[in-house]
Every structure is written in C-alpha cells, then in structure tokens.
C-alpha cells in the first residue's frame, strides 16, 4: 500500500525558511518522478516542484530561486527547502509520485505551512 507522510511545516514569518520532508512507502521509489504540491484554502491543489529519478528539478515560476527540491532514494524521501517565504506560500503541502500510467497514489495528510507576521 502506497503511503506518503509529510512533515516539517509550521508557522514562519515572511522571509523565513522551512524544510519539508516526505517519507514515501512505495515500491520502486527510485524510478518515479516525484512532486511537491500545495493547496491553499479555497483553491485547487497545484504542482509546485518536481524531481526526476535522476535528480532533475523543475519549479513553478513563483517559487523559482526560493525553493529547492531534492531526494534521497536510499531513504525513500523527498525534501523541499523553502526560503524567502511569502504569505502567498501559505498552504498545505503534499508530495506524490508523478506517473502518466499509474496516476497519483493516495494522498497523505500533508503538512501545513503558514507564513505570517
């Protein structure tokens, strides 16, 4: 059974930093492109960053230069280092696999990030 456990969120002031982690219980983790998503209150979930199985990353424009996604295949874990945080980054953050064949797996509980002074 696929399971994602996100952690590392919290309340941070504008300009601050957080590091999110996502532990994945998923077979063959190392072959999947993984993604970090976020969902702000009243908005649709959006894909924020992706990392391929070889470590290539992509980001949406609003987080480029501020967020860095990485992975540790030995630990079945992906990370999202977030810096220069803005109030508009406030959301619940989730991770999931990105597979055009299998689609996303069941969503985890996410981790809340709140950026506020």
Protein backbone atom coordinates (compact mmCIF):
# COMPACT_ATOMS: atom_id res chain seq x y z
CA UNK A 1 0.00 0.00 0.00
CA UNK A 2 1.39 3.36 -1.04
CA UNK A 3 1.69 5.92 1.72
CA UNK A 4 3.21 9.38 1.99
CA UNK A 5 3.99 11.08 5.28
CA UNK A 6 4.77 14.79 5.02
CA UNK A 7 6.38 16.75 7.84
CA UNK A 8 8.29 19.92 8.60
CA UNK A 9 5.60 22.53 8.21
CA UNK A 10 4.84 25.27 10.69
CA UNK A 11 4.34 28.96 11.28
CA UNK A 12 7.09 31.18 9.94
CA UNK A 13 7.50 34.91 9.41
CA UNK A 14 7.79 36.37 5.92
CA UNK A 15 11.32 35.94 4.68
CA UNK A 16 11.85 32.84 6.78
CA UNK A 17 12.74 29.28 5.79
CA UNK A 18 11.37 25.79 6.27
CA UNK A 19 12.44 22.35 5.15
CA UNK A 20 9.70 19.88 4.34
CA UNK A 21 10.19 16.13 4.22
CA UNK A 22 8.08 13.43 2.66
CA UNK A 23 8.69 9.79 3.53
CA UNK A 24 7.27 7.51 0.88
CA UNK A 25 6.24 3.92 1.41
CA UNK A 26 6.18 2.99 -2.25
CA UNK A 27 7.73 0.18 -4.20
CA UNK A 28 10.40 1.23 -6.63
CA UNK A 29 10.52 4.78 -5.29
CA UNK A 30 13.76 5.42 -7.12
CA UNK A 31 12.18 5.11 -10.57
CA UNK A 32 9.48 7.71 -10.08
CA UNK A 33 9.44 11.37 -10.77
CA UNK A 34 8.15 12.93 -7.55
CA UNK A 35 6.31 16.15 -7.00
CA UNK A 36 5.55 18.61 -4.22
CA UNK A 37 2.07 20.08 -4.40
CA UNK A 38 0.29 22.68 -2.32
CA UNK A 39 -3.30 23.61 -1.69
CA UNK A 40 -4.24 26.95 -0.24
CA UNK A 41 -7.58 27.44 1.44
CA UNK A 42 -10.34 27.69 -1.13
CA UNK A 43 -8.02 26.96 -4.04
CA UNK A 44 -7.19 23.96 -6.16
CA UNK A 45 -4.13 21.88 -5.46
CA UNK A 46 -1.18 22.97 -7.59
CA UNK A 47 2.07 21.33 -8.52
CA UNK A 48 4.97 23.36 -7.16
CA UNK A 49 8.10 21.36 -7.91
CA UNK A 50 9.17 18.10 -9.48
CA UNK A 51 12.26 15.95 -9.39
CA UNK A 52 13.04 13.13 -11.80
CA UNK A 53 14.60 9.83 -10.81
CA UNK A 54 17.93 11.25 -11.95
CA UNK A 55 17.59 14.42 -9.90
CA UNK A 56 16.50 16.95 -12.50
CA UNK A 57 14.20 19.54 -11.00
CA UNK A 58 11.56 21.94 -12.21
CA UNK A 59 9.62 24.64 -10.39
CA UNK A 60 6.70 26.91 -11.00
CA UNK A 61 7.74 30.49 -11.65
CA UNK A 62 6.51 31.82 -8.32
CA UNK A 63 8.95 29.68 -6.32
CA UNK A 64 11.96 29.61 -8.63
CA UNK A 65 15.07 30.74 -6.82
CA UNK A 66 13.40 30.33 -3.44
CA UNK A 67 12.53 26.60 -3.25
CA UNK A 68 14.82 23.64 -3.80
CA UNK A 69 13.56 20.08 -4.16
CA UNK A 70 15.81 17.10 -3.52
CA UNK A 71 15.54 13.39 -2.92
CA UNK A 72 17.31 10.61 -1.06
CA UNK A 73 16.50 7.33 -2.79
CA UNK A 74 18.15 5.32 -0.03
CA UNK A 75 15.62 6.75 2.41
CA UNK A 76 12.64 6.89 0.06
CA UNK A 77 12.33 10.55 0.95
CA UNK A 78 11.93 13.82 -0.89
CA UNK A 79 12.58 17.24 0.54
CA UNK A 80 11.54 20.79 -0.18
CA UNK A 81 13.81 23.50 1.11
CA UNK A 82 11.83 26.73 1.14
CA UNK A 83 13.38 30.14 1.61
CA UNK A 84 12.33 33.80 1.38
CA UNK A 85 8.84 32.65 2.25
CA UNK A 86 5.90 34.86 1.41
CA UNK A 87 2.35 34.93 2.77
CA UNK A 88 1.14 33.57 -0.56
CA UNK A 89 3.13 30.39 0.11
CA UNK A 90 0.69 29.58 2.90
CA UNK A 91 -0.90 26.22 2.09
CA UNK A 92 -0.98 22.55 2.94
CA UNK A 93 1.92 20.88 1.18
CA UNK A 94 1.77 17.33 -0.17
CA UNK A 95 4.05 15.03 -2.09
CA UNK A 96 3.12 12.35 -4.60
CA UNK A 97 4.51 10.39 -7.48
CA UNK A 98 4.09 11.67 -11.00
CA UNK A 99 3.19 8.86 -13.34
CA UNK A 100 1.23 9.19 -16.58
CA UNK A 101 0.49 5.47 -16.43
CA UNK A 102 -0.43 4.98 -12.78
CA UNK A 103 -1.53 8.48 -11.87
CA UNK A 104 -1.07 9.85 -8.36
CA UNK A 105 -1.18 7.50 -5.39
CA UNK A 106 -3.36 8.08 -2.35
CA UNK A 107 -2.65 11.47 -0.82
CA UNK A 108 -1.08 11.81 2.58
CA UNK A 109 -2.26 14.18 5.28
CA UNK A 110 0.03 16.95 4.11
CA UNK A 111 1.88 19.45 6.24
CA UNK A 112 0.62 22.97 6.93
CA UNK A 113 2.85 25.90 6.09
CA UNK A 114 1.71 29.28 7.35
CA UNK A 115 3.67 32.42 6.51
CA UNK A 116 2.54 35.32 8.63
CA UNK A 117 3.90 38.08 10.81
